[in-house]
Amino acid sequence: MAHKTLTPAFAYLRVSSKGQVRGHGFERQEETIQRFAVENGYTVSETFRDAFTGTEADRPEFNRMVAMILGNGVRSILVESLDRLARDVMVQSLLLAKLAQHGITLINCVTGEDVTASMSEDPMRKALIQIQSVFSELEKSRLVSKLRRAREAKKVATGKCEGRKAFGEKEGEGEALELMRSLRRKREGKRMSFARIAEVLNERNIPTRTGARWHTTTVQNILSR
């Protein structure tokens, strides 16, 4: 009996909060994608995870994934749902445009939709996808507003309200921060690049706060504070 040929694909997972990293955000997305892949003839060659993303550029794993796709035969990306690509409409549109430009297929595993094809071939479905993105962005904005009001209420009641601690303020991070600062200091009139500092941290197996690999933007953001 002939074996069915499976289509290779990459899985892209994204979370936007530390709680989702510690919780089941990545795990739930991966389960949904794997189930879809098995039922629809895909095989996941590699999985990429981004955390705390905001702008289009602030996606080191997404950019690494696209670079790998351009260098091999994989042409499909599986995401749990469209808001895992991005909630922000502008960012989502830019990322989809980048994929479409290179002939890369993005599959929404919840709906089974080929999102890139829908946007490029059907103006009405493109509009519906954009409307879906608007509501996802609205939902996030409402949540952010609700959390901000809760923080303000706590500050009024207790006189203080902790925000997210900067890297180095948590236990175990001080040594890594001092190493980054040391590597960045000028030597013979030159500074080590953020990219090279990230490489050194990865070579020494020094963990990031989320457990992901160090990237240029991560180091730059920490040292620019």
N, C-alpha and C. Protein backbone atom coordinates (compact mmCIF):
# COMPACT_ATOMS: atom_id res chain seq x y z
N MET A 1 0.85 -1.20 0.00
CA MET A 1 0.00 0.00 0.00
C MET A 1 0.88 1.25 0.00
N ALA A 2 0.59 2.18 -0.89
CA ALA A 2 1.39 3.40 -1.00
C ALA A 2 1.15 4.30 0.20
N HIS A 3 2.24 4.90 0.67
CA HIS A 3 2.14 5.82 1.80
C HIS A 3 1.74 7.21 1.29
N LYS A 4 0.88 7.86 2.05
CA LYS A 4 0.45 9.20 1.69
C LYS A 4 1.59 10.20 1.93
N THR A 5 1.86 11.03 0.95
CA THR A 5 2.91 12.03 1.08
C THR A 5 2.43 13.19 1.96
N LEU A 6 3.18 13.50 2.99
CA LEU A 6 2.82 14.58 3.90
C LEU A 6 3.48 15.88 3.47
N THR A 7 2.77 16.98 3.64
CA THR A 7 3.30 18.30 3.29
C THR A 7 4.07 18.87 4.48
N PRO A 8 5.36 19.19 4.29
CA PRO A 8 6.13 19.75 5.41
C PRO A 8 5.66 21.18 5.72
N ALA A 9 5.67 21.51 7.00
CA ALA A 9 5.24 22.85 7.42
C ALA A 9 5.98 23.24 8.69
N PHE A 10 6.04 24.54 8.93
CA PHE A 10 6.57 25.06 10.18
C PHE A 10 5.39 25.48 11.06
N ALA A 11 5.53 25.34 12.36
CA ALA A 11 4.51 25.81 13.30
C ALA A 11 5.00 27.10 13.94
N TYR A 12 4.11 28.10 14.01
CA TYR A 12 4.48 29.37 14.66
C TYR A 12 3.57 29.60 15.86
N LEU A 13 4.18 29.76 17.03
CA LEU A 13 3.45 29.99 18.27
C LEU A 13 3.83 31.37 18.81
N ARG A 14 2.86 32.05 19.38
CA ARG A 14 3.15 33.38 19.95
C ARG A 14 2.31 33.61 21.19
N VAL A 15 2.95 34.15 22.22
CA VAL A 15 2.23 34.59 23.41
C VAL A 15 2.62 36.04 23.68
N SER A 16 1.73 36.77 24.34
CA SER A 16 1.97 38.19 24.55
C SER A 16 2.10 38.57 26.01
N SER A 17 2.18 37.56 26.90
CA SER A 17 2.34 37.88 28.32
C SER A 17 3.16 36.80 29.00
N LYS A 18 3.80 37.17 30.12
CA LYS A 18 4.63 36.23 30.86
C LYS A 18 3.78 35.09 31.40
N GLY A 19 2.56 35.39 31.79
CA GLY A 19 1.67 34.36 32.32
C GLY A 19 1.41 33.27 31.31
N GLN A 20 1.30 33.64 30.03
CA GLN A 20 1.06 32.64 28.99
C GLN A 20 2.28 31.76 28.78
N VAL A 21 3.49 32.33 29.00
CA VAL A 21 4.71 31.53 28.87
C VAL A 21 4.75 30.48 29.98
N ARG A 22 4.43 30.91 31.21
CA ARG A 22 4.45 29.99 32.35
C ARG A 22 3.27 29.03 32.31
N GLY A 23 2.16 29.46 31.72
CA GLY A 23 0.96 28.64 31.70
C GLY A 23 0.90 27.71 30.51
N HIS A 24 -0.27 27.67 29.87
CA HIS A 24 -0.48 26.68 28.81
C HIS A 24 -0.61 27.32 27.42
N GLY A 25 -0.16 28.57 27.28
CA GLY A 25 -0.30 29.26 25.99
C GLY A 25 0.37 28.51 24.85
N PHE A 26 1.66 28.24 24.99
CA PHE A 26 2.40 27.53 23.96
C PHE A 26 1.87 26.10 23.81
N GLU A 27 1.63 25.45 24.93
CA GLU A 27 1.19 24.04 24.91
C GLU A 27 -0.14 23.89 24.17
N ARG A 28 -1.11 24.78 24.47
CA ARG A 28 -2.42 24.69 23.81
C ARG A 28 -2.30 24.92 22.31
N GLN A 29 -1.51 25.93 21.92
CA GLN A 29 -1.34 26.22 20.50
C GLN A 29 -0.70 25.03 19.77
N GLU A 30 0.31 24.45 20.40
CA GLU A 30 1.00 23.33 19.76
C GLU A 30 0.08 22.12 19.59
N GLU A 31 -0.76 21.86 20.59
CA GLU A 31 -1.70 20.75 20.49
C GLU A 31 -2.69 20.95 19.34
N THR A 32 -3.21 22.19 19.21
CA THR A 32 -4.15 22.50 18.12
C THR A 32 -3.49 22.31 16.76
N ILE A 33 -2.27 22.81 16.63
CA ILE A 33 -1.55 22.72 15.36
C ILE A 33 -1.23 21.27 15.01
N GLN A 34 -0.76 20.50 15.99
CA GLN A 34 -0.42 19.10 15.72
C GLN A 34 -1.65 18.30 15.32
N ARG A 35 -2.77 18.56 15.97
CA ARG A 35 -4.01 17.85 15.64
C ARG A 35 -4.43 18.18 14.20
N PHE A 36 -4.36 19.47 13.84
CA PHE A 36 -4.71 19.88 12.48
C PHE A 36 -3.77 19.22 11.47
N ALA A 37 -2.47 19.21 11.79
CA ALA A 37 -1.48 18.65 10.87
C ALA A 37 -1.78 17.17 10.59
N VAL A 38 -2.05 16.41 11.62
CA VAL A 38 -2.33 14.97 11.48
C VAL A 38 -3.58 14.75 10.64
N GLU A 39 -4.60 15.56 10.87
CA GLU A 39 -5.89 15.37 10.18
C GLU A 39 -5.87 15.88 8.74
N ASN A 40 -4.90 16.73 8.38
CA ASN A 40 -4.92 17.36 7.06
C ASN A 40 -3.66 17.12 6.23
N GLY A 41 -2.88 16.12 6.60
CA GLY A 41 -1.76 15.72 5.76
C GLY A 41 -0.53 16.58 5.84
N TYR A 42 -0.30 17.25 6.97
CA TYR A 42 0.91 18.04 7.17
C TYR A 42 1.82 17.34 8.17
N THR A 43 3.11 17.63 8.09
CA THR A 43 4.05 17.21 9.10
C THR A 43 4.83 18.43 9.55
N VAL A 44 4.89 18.67 10.85
CA VAL A 44 5.55 19.86 11.39
C VAL A 44 7.05 19.59 11.47
N SER A 45 7.82 20.28 10.65
CA SER A 45 9.27 20.09 10.59
C SER A 45 9.98 20.78 11.76
N GLU A 46 9.47 21.96 12.13
CA GLU A 46 10.10 22.72 13.22
C GLU A 46 9.07 23.69 13.80
N THR A 47 9.22 24.00 15.08
CA THR A 47 8.31 24.90 15.76
C THR A 47 9.06 26.14 16.24
N PHE A 48 8.46 27.31 16.00
CA PHE A 48 9.08 28.58 16.38
C PHE A 48 8.18 29.28 17.39
N ARG A 49 8.78 29.86 18.43
CA ARG A 49 8.01 30.48 19.52
C ARG A 49 8.49 31.91 19.75
N ASP A 50 7.58 32.86 19.71
CA ASP A 50 7.87 34.25 20.05
C ASP A 50 7.09 34.63 21.30
N ALA A 51 7.68 35.48 22.13
CA ALA A 51 6.99 35.94 23.35
C ALA A 51 7.12 37.45 23.46
N PHE A 52 6.08 38.08 24.04
CA PHE A 52 6.08 39.52 24.31
C PHE A 52 6.23 40.35 23.04
N THR A 53 5.67 39.91 21.92
CA THR A 53 5.82 40.64 20.67
C THR A 53 4.90 41.84 20.61
N GLY A 54 5.33 42.87 19.90
CA GLY A 54 4.50 44.05 19.70
C GLY A 54 4.54 44.47 18.25
N THR A 55 5.67 45.01 17.82
CA THR A 55 5.81 45.49 16.46
C THR A 55 6.14 44.35 15.51
N GLU A 56 6.11 44.69 14.22
CA GLU A 56 6.47 43.69 13.21
C GLU A 56 7.91 43.24 13.40
N ALA A 57 8.80 44.19 13.74
CA ALA A 57 10.22 43.87 13.83
C ALA A 57 10.56 43.07 15.09
N ASP A 58 9.71 43.18 16.12
CA ASP A 58 9.98 42.55 17.41
C ASP A 58 9.56 41.08 17.40
N ARG A 59 10.03 40.33 16.39
CA ARG A 59 9.65 38.92 16.23
C ARG A 59 10.86 38.13 15.73
N PRO A 60 11.84 37.94 16.59
CA PRO A 60 13.06 37.26 16.13
C PRO A 60 12.82 35.87 15.59
N GLU A 61 11.92 35.09 16.24
CA GLU A 61 11.68 33.72 15.78
C GLU A 61 10.88 33.69 14.49
N PHE A 62 9.94 34.63 14.33
CA PHE A 62 9.19 34.71 13.07
C PHE A 62 10.15 35.03 11.92
N ASN A 63 11.03 36.00 12.14
CA ASN A 63 11.98 36.38 11.09
C ASN A 63 12.95 35.24 10.78
N ARG A 64 13.36 34.51 11.82
CA ARG A 64 14.25 33.35 11.60
C ARG A 64 13.52 32.27 10.81
N MET A 65 12.24 32.08 11.10
CA MET A 65 11.44 31.08 10.39
C MET A 65 11.32 31.43 8.91
N VAL A 66 11.01 32.69 8.61
CA VAL A 66 10.88 33.11 7.21
C VAL A 66 12.21 32.95 6.48
N ALA A 67 13.32 33.29 7.15
CA ALA A 67 14.63 33.14 6.54
C ALA A 67 14.92 31.68 6.22
N MET A 68 14.54 30.76 7.11
CA MET A 68 14.74 29.34 6.88
C MET A 68 13.88 28.85 5.72
N ILE A 69 12.64 29.35 5.65
CA ILE A 69 11.74 28.95 4.56
C ILE A 69 12.33 29.34 3.21
N LEU A 70 12.92 30.52 3.15
CA LEU A 70 13.47 30.98 1.88
C LEU A 70 14.68 30.15 1.45
N GLY A 71 15.23 29.37 2.39
CA GLY A 71 16.40 28.58 2.07
C GLY A 71 16.13 27.09 1.95
N ASN A 72 14.85 26.67 2.11
CA ASN A 72 14.55 25.24 1.97
C ASN A 72 13.22 25.04 1.27
N GLY A 73 12.72 23.81 1.28
CA GLY A 73 11.51 23.49 0.52
C GLY A 73 10.20 23.69 1.26
N VAL A 74 10.24 24.07 2.53
CA VAL A 74 9.01 24.29 3.29
C VAL A 74 8.35 25.58 2.83
N ARG A 75 7.04 25.48 2.50
CA ARG A 75 6.35 26.69 2.02
C ARG A 75 5.09 26.99 2.82
N SER A 76 4.84 26.26 3.91
CA SER A 76 3.61 26.44 4.68
C SER A 76 3.92 26.71 6.15
N ILE A 77 3.11 27.61 6.74
CA ILE A 77 3.20 27.91 8.17
C ILE A 77 1.84 27.63 8.79
N LEU A 78 1.84 26.93 9.91
CA LEU A 78 0.60 26.63 10.63
C LEU A 78 0.55 27.46 11.91
N VAL A 79 -0.56 28.18 12.11
CA VAL A 79 -0.79 28.92 13.35
C VAL A 79 -2.11 28.46 13.95
N GLU A 80 -2.21 28.54 15.27
CA GLU A 80 -3.46 28.12 15.91
C GLU A 80 -4.63 28.93 15.37
N SER A 81 -4.49 30.26 15.38
CA SER A 81 -5.52 31.16 14.87
C SER A 81 -4.84 32.44 14.43
N LEU A 82 -5.58 33.28 13.73
CA LEU A 82 -4.97 34.47 13.13
C LEU A 82 -4.42 35.44 14.16
N ASP A 83 -5.05 35.53 15.33
CA ASP A 83 -4.54 36.47 16.33
C ASP A 83 -3.25 36.00 16.96
N ARG A 84 -2.86 34.74 16.73
CA ARG A 84 -1.54 34.28 17.19
C ARG A 84 -0.44 34.80 16.28
N LEU A 85 -0.80 35.16 15.04
CA LEU A 85 0.16 35.83 14.17
C LEU A 85 0.35 37.24 14.69
N ALA A 86 -0.76 37.95 14.94
CA ALA A 86 -0.73 39.31 15.50
C ALA A 86 -2.15 39.74 15.79
N ARG A 87 -2.34 40.53 16.83
CA ARG A 87 -3.65 41.12 17.10
C ARG A 87 -3.77 42.48 16.42
N ASP A 88 -2.69 43.24 16.43
CA ASP A 88 -2.70 44.56 15.83
C ASP A 88 -2.91 44.45 14.32
N VAL A 89 -3.87 45.19 13.80
CA VAL A 89 -4.23 45.09 12.37
C VAL A 89 -3.07 45.46 11.47
N MET A 90 -2.39 46.54 11.80
CA MET A 90 -1.28 46.99 10.95
C MET A 90 -0.16 45.96 10.94
N VAL A 91 0.21 45.46 12.11
CA VAL A 91 1.27 44.46 12.19
C VAL A 91 0.86 43.20 11.44
N GLN A 92 -0.38 42.77 11.62
CA GLN A 92 -0.87 41.58 10.94
C GLN A 92 -0.80 41.74 9.42
N SER A 93 -1.25 42.89 8.93
CA SER A 93 -1.23 43.13 7.48
C SER A 93 0.19 43.11 6.93
N LEU A 94 1.14 43.71 7.67
CA LEU A 94 2.53 43.74 7.23
C LEU A 94 3.13 42.34 7.18
N LEU A 95 2.82 41.53 8.19
CA LEU A 95 3.36 40.17 8.22
C LEU A 95 2.76 39.31 7.11
N LEU A 96 1.45 39.44 6.89
CA LEU A 96 0.81 38.67 5.82
C LEU A 96 1.33 39.10 4.45
N ALA A 97 1.57 40.40 4.30
CA ALA A 97 2.11 40.90 3.03
C ALA A 97 3.50 40.32 2.79
N LYS A 98 4.29 40.23 3.86
CA LYS A 98 5.64 39.66 3.74
C LYS A 98 5.56 38.19 3.30
N LEU A 99 4.64 37.44 3.87
CA LEU A 99 4.50 36.03 3.51
C LEU A 99 4.02 35.87 2.07
N ALA A 100 3.00 36.67 1.71
CA ALA A 100 2.46 36.59 0.35
C ALA A 100 3.51 36.95 -0.69
N GLN A 101 4.36 37.92 -0.35
CA GLN A 101 5.41 38.36 -1.27
C GLN A 101 6.35 37.22 -1.63
N HIS A 102 6.58 36.33 -0.68
CA HIS A 102 7.50 35.21 -0.91
C HIS A 102 6.78 33.91 -1.26
N GLY A 103 5.48 33.98 -1.48
CA GLY A 103 4.73 32.79 -1.87
C GLY A 103 4.60 31.78 -0.75
N ILE A 104 4.55 32.26 0.50
CA ILE A 104 4.44 31.39 1.67
C ILE A 104 2.97 31.29 2.08
N THR A 105 2.52 30.09 2.37
CA THR A 105 1.14 29.86 2.76
C THR A 105 1.01 29.88 4.29
N LEU A 106 0.03 30.62 4.79
CA LEU A 106 -0.28 30.63 6.22
C LEU A 106 -1.64 29.98 6.44
N ILE A 107 -1.68 28.94 7.26
CA ILE A 107 -2.92 28.20 7.52
C ILE A 107 -3.41 28.48 8.94
N ASN A 108 -4.67 28.90 9.05
CA ASN A 108 -5.34 29.07 10.34
C ASN A 108 -5.88 27.70 10.75
N CYS A 109 -5.32 27.08 11.80
CA CYS A 109 -5.66 25.71 12.16
C CYS A 109 -7.03 25.59 12.82
N VAL A 110 -7.57 26.67 13.34
CA VAL A 110 -8.91 26.62 13.93
C VAL A 110 -9.97 26.57 12.83
N THR A 111 -9.79 27.39 11.79
CA THR A 111 -10.78 27.44 10.71
C THR A 111 -10.38 26.61 9.50
N GLY A 112 -9.10 26.24 9.39
CA GLY A 112 -8.62 25.50 8.23
C GLY A 112 -8.39 26.38 7.02
N GLU A 113 -8.44 27.69 7.21
CA GLU A 113 -8.37 28.63 6.09
C GLU A 113 -6.93 28.92 5.66
N ASP A 114 -6.70 28.96 4.36
CA ASP A 114 -5.44 29.45 3.79
C ASP A 114 -5.55 30.97 3.78
N VAL A 115 -5.00 31.62 4.80
CA VAL A 115 -5.22 33.05 5.00
C VAL A 115 -4.57 33.88 3.89
N THR A 116 -3.36 33.53 3.50
CA THR A 116 -2.67 34.31 2.48
C THR A 116 -3.41 34.25 1.14
N ALA A 117 -3.93 33.07 0.79
CA ALA A 117 -4.68 32.94 -0.46
C ALA A 117 -5.98 33.73 -0.39
N SER A 118 -6.65 33.68 0.75
CA SER A 118 -7.91 34.40 0.91
C SER A 118 -7.72 35.89 0.73
N MET A 119 -6.65 36.41 1.29
CA MET A 119 -6.40 37.85 1.21
C MET A 119 -6.05 38.29 -0.20
N SER A 120 -5.31 37.45 -0.91
CA SER A 120 -4.85 37.85 -2.24
C SER A 120 -5.87 37.61 -3.34
N GLU A 121 -6.80 36.65 -3.12
CA GLU A 121 -7.72 36.26 -4.19
C GLU A 121 -9.14 36.79 -4.03
N ASP A 122 -9.57 37.04 -2.81
CA ASP A 122 -10.96 37.40 -2.58
C ASP A 122 -11.05 38.69 -1.76
N PRO A 123 -11.38 39.81 -2.37
CA PRO A 123 -11.46 41.09 -1.64
C PRO A 123 -12.43 41.05 -0.46
N MET A 124 -13.54 40.33 -0.61
CA MET A 124 -14.52 40.27 0.48
C MET A 124 -13.95 39.51 1.68
N ARG A 125 -13.30 38.38 1.41
CA ARG A 125 -12.72 37.61 2.51
C ARG A 125 -11.55 38.37 3.14
N LYS A 126 -10.83 39.12 2.31
CA LYS A 126 -9.77 39.96 2.85
C LYS A 126 -10.34 40.96 3.85
N ALA A 127 -11.48 41.56 3.48
CA ALA A 127 -12.14 42.51 4.37
C ALA A 127 -12.61 41.83 5.65
N LEU A 128 -13.15 40.60 5.52
CA LEU A 128 -13.63 39.87 6.70
C LEU A 128 -12.47 39.52 7.64
N ILE A 129 -11.34 39.13 7.07
CA ILE A 129 -10.16 38.82 7.88
C ILE A 129 -9.70 40.07 8.62
N GLN A 130 -9.74 41.21 7.92
CA GLN A 130 -9.32 42.46 8.56
C GLN A 130 -10.31 42.85 9.67
N ILE A 131 -11.60 42.60 9.44
CA ILE A 131 -12.60 42.89 10.48
C ILE A 131 -12.35 42.00 11.69
N GLN A 132 -12.03 40.73 11.44
CA GLN A 132 -11.71 39.80 12.53
C GLN A 132 -10.52 40.33 13.33
N SER A 133 -9.55 40.89 12.64
CA SER A 133 -8.37 41.44 13.31
C SER A 133 -8.74 42.65 14.15
N VAL A 134 -9.66 43.47 13.62
CA VAL A 134 -10.09 44.67 14.36
C VAL A 134 -10.71 44.27 15.69
N PHE A 135 -11.58 43.23 15.66
CA PHE A 135 -12.23 42.81 16.90
C PHE A 135 -11.24 42.20 17.88
N SER A 136 -10.23 41.47 17.36
CA SER A 136 -9.21 40.92 18.24
C SER A 136 -8.42 42.05 18.90
N GLU A 137 -8.11 43.08 18.10
CA GLU A 137 -7.37 44.22 18.64
C GLU A 137 -8.22 44.97 19.66
N LEU A 138 -9.53 45.10 19.38
CA LEU A 138 -10.43 45.78 20.32
C LEU A 138 -10.50 45.02 21.63
N GLU A 139 -10.58 43.69 21.54
CA GLU A 139 -10.63 42.86 22.75
C GLU A 139 -9.38 43.07 23.60
N LYS A 140 -8.22 43.12 22.94
CA LYS A 140 -6.98 43.33 23.68
C LYS A 140 -6.97 44.71 24.32
N SER A 141 -7.42 45.73 23.58
CA SER A 141 -7.43 47.10 24.10
C SER A 141 -8.33 47.22 25.32
N ARG A 142 -9.48 46.53 25.27
CA ARG A 142 -10.40 46.56 26.41
C ARG A 142 -9.76 45.89 27.62
N LEU A 143 -9.03 44.79 27.40
CA LEU A 143 -8.38 44.09 28.49
C LEU A 143 -7.28 44.96 29.10
N VAL A 144 -6.50 45.61 28.24
CA VAL A 144 -5.44 46.50 28.73
C VAL A 144 -6.02 47.63 29.56
N SER A 145 -7.12 48.21 29.07
CA SER A 145 -7.78 49.30 29.80
C SER A 145 -8.29 48.82 31.15
N LYS A 146 -8.86 47.62 31.18
CA LYS A 146 -9.39 47.05 32.43
C LYS A 146 -8.26 46.83 33.44
N LEU A 147 -7.12 46.30 32.97
CA LEU A 147 -5.99 46.06 33.85
C LEU A 147 -5.40 47.37 34.35
N ARG A 148 -5.38 48.39 33.49
CA ARG A 148 -4.85 49.69 33.91
C ARG A 148 -5.72 50.30 35.01
N ARG A 149 -7.04 50.19 34.85
CA ARG A 149 -7.94 50.71 35.89
C ARG A 149 -7.75 49.96 37.20
N ALA A 150 -7.51 48.63 37.10
CA ALA A 150 -7.30 47.83 38.31
C ALA A 150 -6.01 48.25 39.01
N ARG A 151 -4.96 48.52 38.23
CA ARG A 151 -3.70 48.97 38.82
C ARG A 151 -3.85 50.32 39.50
N GLU A 152 -4.59 51.22 38.81
CA GLU A 152 -4.80 52.55 39.38
C GLU A 152 -5.60 52.47 40.68
N ALA A 153 -6.61 51.59 40.71
CA ALA A 153 -7.40 51.41 41.92
C ALA A 153 -6.55 50.86 43.06
N LYS A 154 -5.66 49.92 42.73
CA LYS A 154 -4.78 49.34 43.74
C LYS A 154 -3.83 50.39 44.28
N LYS A 155 -3.33 51.26 43.38
CA LYS A 155 -2.40 52.30 43.81
C LYS A 155 -3.08 53.27 44.77
N VAL A 156 -4.34 53.61 44.47
CA VAL A 156 -5.10 54.51 45.35
C VAL A 156 -5.32 53.85 46.71
N ALA A 157 -5.61 52.54 46.70
CA ALA A 157 -5.94 51.84 47.94
C ALA A 157 -4.71 51.53 48.79
N THR A 158 -3.58 51.20 48.15
CA THR A 158 -2.40 50.75 48.90
C THR A 158 -1.22 51.71 48.81
N GLY A 159 -1.29 52.64 47.87
CA GLY A 159 -0.18 53.57 47.71
C GLY A 159 0.92 53.06 46.82
N LYS A 160 0.75 51.86 46.30
CA LYS A 160 1.77 51.32 45.40
C LYS A 160 1.13 50.32 44.44
N CYS A 161 1.78 50.14 43.32
CA CYS A 161 1.30 49.16 42.33
C CYS A 161 2.50 48.74 41.49
N GLU A 162 2.92 47.50 41.66
CA GLU A 162 4.10 47.04 40.95
C GLU A 162 3.83 46.82 39.47
N GLY A 163 4.75 47.29 38.66
CA GLY A 163 4.70 47.00 37.24
C GLY A 163 5.67 45.85 36.94
N ARG A 164 5.89 45.59 35.69
CA ARG A 164 6.82 44.53 35.32
C ARG A 164 8.24 44.96 35.65
N LYS A 165 8.98 44.11 36.37
CA LYS A 165 10.33 44.44 36.78
C LYS A 165 11.27 44.40 35.59
N ALA A 166 12.20 45.34 35.57
CA ALA A 166 13.19 45.37 34.50
C ALA A 166 14.14 44.19 34.68
N PHE A 167 14.76 43.78 33.57
CA PHE A 167 15.71 42.67 33.65
C PHE A 167 16.86 43.07 34.56
N GLY A 168 17.21 42.19 35.49
CA GLY A 168 18.25 42.48 36.46
C GLY A 168 17.71 42.71 37.85
N GLU A 169 16.41 43.02 37.94
CA GLU A 169 15.79 43.27 39.24
C GLU A 169 15.30 41.98 39.91
N LYS A 170 15.20 40.93 39.13
CA LYS A 170 14.76 39.65 39.70
C LYS A 170 15.97 38.83 40.12
N GLU A 171 15.73 37.94 41.07
CA GLU A 171 16.80 37.09 41.57
C GLU A 171 17.39 36.24 40.46
N GLY A 172 18.72 36.23 40.41
CA GLY A 172 19.41 35.42 39.42
C GLY A 172 19.72 36.13 38.11
N GLU A 173 19.20 37.35 37.93
CA GLU A 173 19.41 38.07 36.67
C GLU A 173 20.55 39.07 36.73
N GLY A 174 20.98 39.41 37.96
CA GLY A 174 22.00 40.44 38.12
C GLY A 174 23.31 40.10 37.44
N GLU A 175 23.73 38.85 37.56
CA GLU A 175 25.01 38.43 36.97
C GLU A 175 24.98 38.54 35.45
N ALA A 176 23.86 38.14 34.84
CA ALA A 176 23.73 38.24 33.38
C ALA A 176 23.75 39.69 32.93
N LEU A 177 23.08 40.57 33.68
CA LEU A 177 23.05 41.98 33.33
C LEU A 177 24.44 42.60 33.42
N GLU A 178 25.18 42.27 34.47
CA GLU A 178 26.54 42.80 34.62
C GLU A 178 27.44 42.31 33.50
N LEU A 179 27.26 41.05 33.07
CA LEU A 179 28.06 40.52 31.97
C LEU A 179 27.76 41.29 30.69
N MET A 180 26.47 41.55 30.42
CA MET A 180 26.10 42.31 29.23
C MET A 180 26.72 43.70 29.25
N ARG A 181 26.64 44.36 30.39
CA ARG A 181 27.23 45.71 30.51
C ARG A 181 28.73 45.68 30.32
N SER A 182 29.36 44.64 30.86
CA SER A 182 30.81 44.51 30.72
C SER A 182 31.21 44.31 29.26
N LEU A 183 30.48 43.43 28.58
CA LEU A 183 30.78 43.17 27.16
C LEU A 183 30.54 44.39 26.30
N ARG A 184 29.61 45.24 26.71
CA ARG A 184 29.24 46.41 25.91
C ARG A 184 30.18 47.60 26.11
N ARG A 185 30.98 47.56 27.20
CA ARG A 185 31.87 48.69 27.46
C ARG A 185 32.89 48.87 26.33
N LYS A 186 33.25 50.12 26.10
CA LYS A 186 34.20 50.43 25.03
C LYS A 186 35.56 49.84 25.33
N ARG A 187 36.15 49.25 24.32
CA ARG A 187 37.52 48.76 24.40
C ARG A 187 38.23 49.19 23.14
N GLU A 188 39.29 49.93 23.33
CA GLU A 188 40.05 50.49 22.20
C GLU A 188 39.14 51.30 21.28
N GLY A 189 38.20 52.03 21.90
CA GLY A 189 37.32 52.92 21.15
C GLY A 189 36.15 52.24 20.47
N LYS A 190 35.99 50.94 20.68
CA LYS A 190 34.90 50.20 20.03
C LYS A 190 34.05 49.48 21.08
N ARG A 191 32.78 49.26 20.73
CA ARG A 191 31.86 48.50 21.58
C ARG A 191 31.50 47.19 20.89
N MET A 192 31.30 46.15 21.67
CA MET A 192 30.82 44.89 21.12
C MET A 192 29.37 45.09 20.67
N SER A 193 29.00 44.55 19.52
CA SER A 193 27.65 44.71 18.99
C SER A 193 26.64 43.95 19.84
N PHE A 194 25.38 44.39 19.79
CA PHE A 194 24.32 43.70 20.52
C PHE A 194 24.18 42.26 20.02
N ALA A 195 24.36 42.07 18.71
CA ALA A 195 24.25 40.73 18.12
C ALA A 195 25.32 39.80 18.68
N ARG A 196 26.55 40.31 18.79
CA ARG A 196 27.64 39.49 19.32
C ARG A 196 27.43 39.18 20.80
N ILE A 197 26.92 40.16 21.56
CA ILE A 197 26.62 39.92 22.98
C ILE A 197 25.60 38.80 23.11
N ALA A 198 24.57 38.82 22.26
CA ALA A 198 23.56 37.76 22.28
C ALA A 198 24.20 36.41 22.01
N GLU A 199 25.13 36.36 21.06
CA GLU A 199 25.82 35.10 20.74
C GLU A 199 26.61 34.59 21.95
N VAL A 200 27.30 35.51 22.63
CA VAL A 200 28.10 35.12 23.81
C VAL A 200 27.19 34.54 24.90
N LEU A 201 26.06 35.20 25.15
CA LEU A 201 25.12 34.72 26.17
C LEU A 201 24.59 33.33 25.83
N ASN A 202 24.28 33.12 24.55
CA ASN A 202 23.79 31.81 24.12
C ASN A 202 24.88 30.75 24.22
N GLU A 203 26.11 31.13 23.87
CA GLU A 203 27.24 30.18 23.95
C GLU A 203 27.49 29.75 25.39
N ARG A 204 27.25 30.65 26.34
CA ARG A 204 27.48 30.35 27.76
C ARG A 204 26.23 29.76 28.43
N ASN A 205 25.18 29.53 27.62
CA ASN A 205 23.93 28.94 28.14
C ASN A 205 23.31 29.74 29.28
N ILE A 206 23.42 31.06 29.17
CA ILE A 206 22.80 31.94 30.17
C ILE A 206 21.35 32.14 29.76
N PRO A 207 20.39 31.82 30.63
CA PRO A 207 18.98 31.86 30.23
C PRO A 207 18.40 33.27 30.17
N THR A 208 17.46 33.49 29.26
CA THR A 208 16.66 34.71 29.27
C THR A 208 15.55 34.53 30.30
N ARG A 209 14.80 35.58 30.53
CA ARG A 209 13.72 35.49 31.51
C ARG A 209 12.66 34.47 31.07
N THR A 210 12.44 34.36 29.76
CA THR A 210 11.40 33.46 29.25
C THR A 210 11.92 32.07 28.90
N GLY A 211 13.24 31.90 28.91
CA GLY A 211 13.80 30.62 28.54
C GLY A 211 14.12 30.50 27.07
N ALA A 212 13.80 31.54 26.29
CA ALA A 212 14.10 31.53 24.85
C ALA A 212 15.57 31.90 24.63
N ARG A 213 16.02 31.84 23.39
CA ARG A 213 17.39 32.24 23.06
C ARG A 213 17.51 33.75 23.10
N TRP A 214 18.75 34.22 23.32
CA TRP A 214 19.02 35.65 23.28
C TRP A 214 19.04 36.11 21.83
N HIS A 215 18.51 37.30 21.58
CA HIS A 215 18.50 37.89 20.24
C HIS A 215 18.97 39.34 20.33
N THR A 216 19.35 39.89 19.20
CA THR A 216 19.87 41.26 19.16
C THR A 216 18.93 42.24 19.82
N THR A 217 17.64 42.18 19.46
CA THR A 217 16.68 43.15 20.00
C THR A 217 16.49 42.99 21.51
N THR A 218 16.57 41.75 22.02
CA THR A 218 16.41 41.52 23.46
C THR A 218 17.53 42.20 24.22
N VAL A 219 18.77 42.00 23.78
CA VAL A 219 19.92 42.62 24.44
C VAL A 219 19.86 44.14 24.33
N GLN A 220 19.52 44.63 23.14
CA GLN A 220 19.45 46.07 22.92
C GLN A 220 18.42 46.73 23.83
N ASN A 221 17.24 46.09 23.95
CA ASN A 221 16.19 46.66 24.80
C ASN A 221 16.62 46.73 26.26
N ILE A 222 17.32 45.70 26.73
CA ILE A 222 17.75 45.68 28.14
C ILE A 222 18.82 46.73 28.40
N LEU A 223 19.79 46.82 27.51
CA LEU A 223 20.91 47.73 27.73
C LEU A 223 20.56 49.19 27.40
N SER A 224 19.44 49.41 26.74
CA SER A 224 19.04 50.79 26.39
C SER A 224 18.21 51.45 27.48
N ARG A 225 17.82 50.69 28.50
CA ARG A 225 16.98 51.25 29.56
C ARG A 225 17.77 52.18 30.45
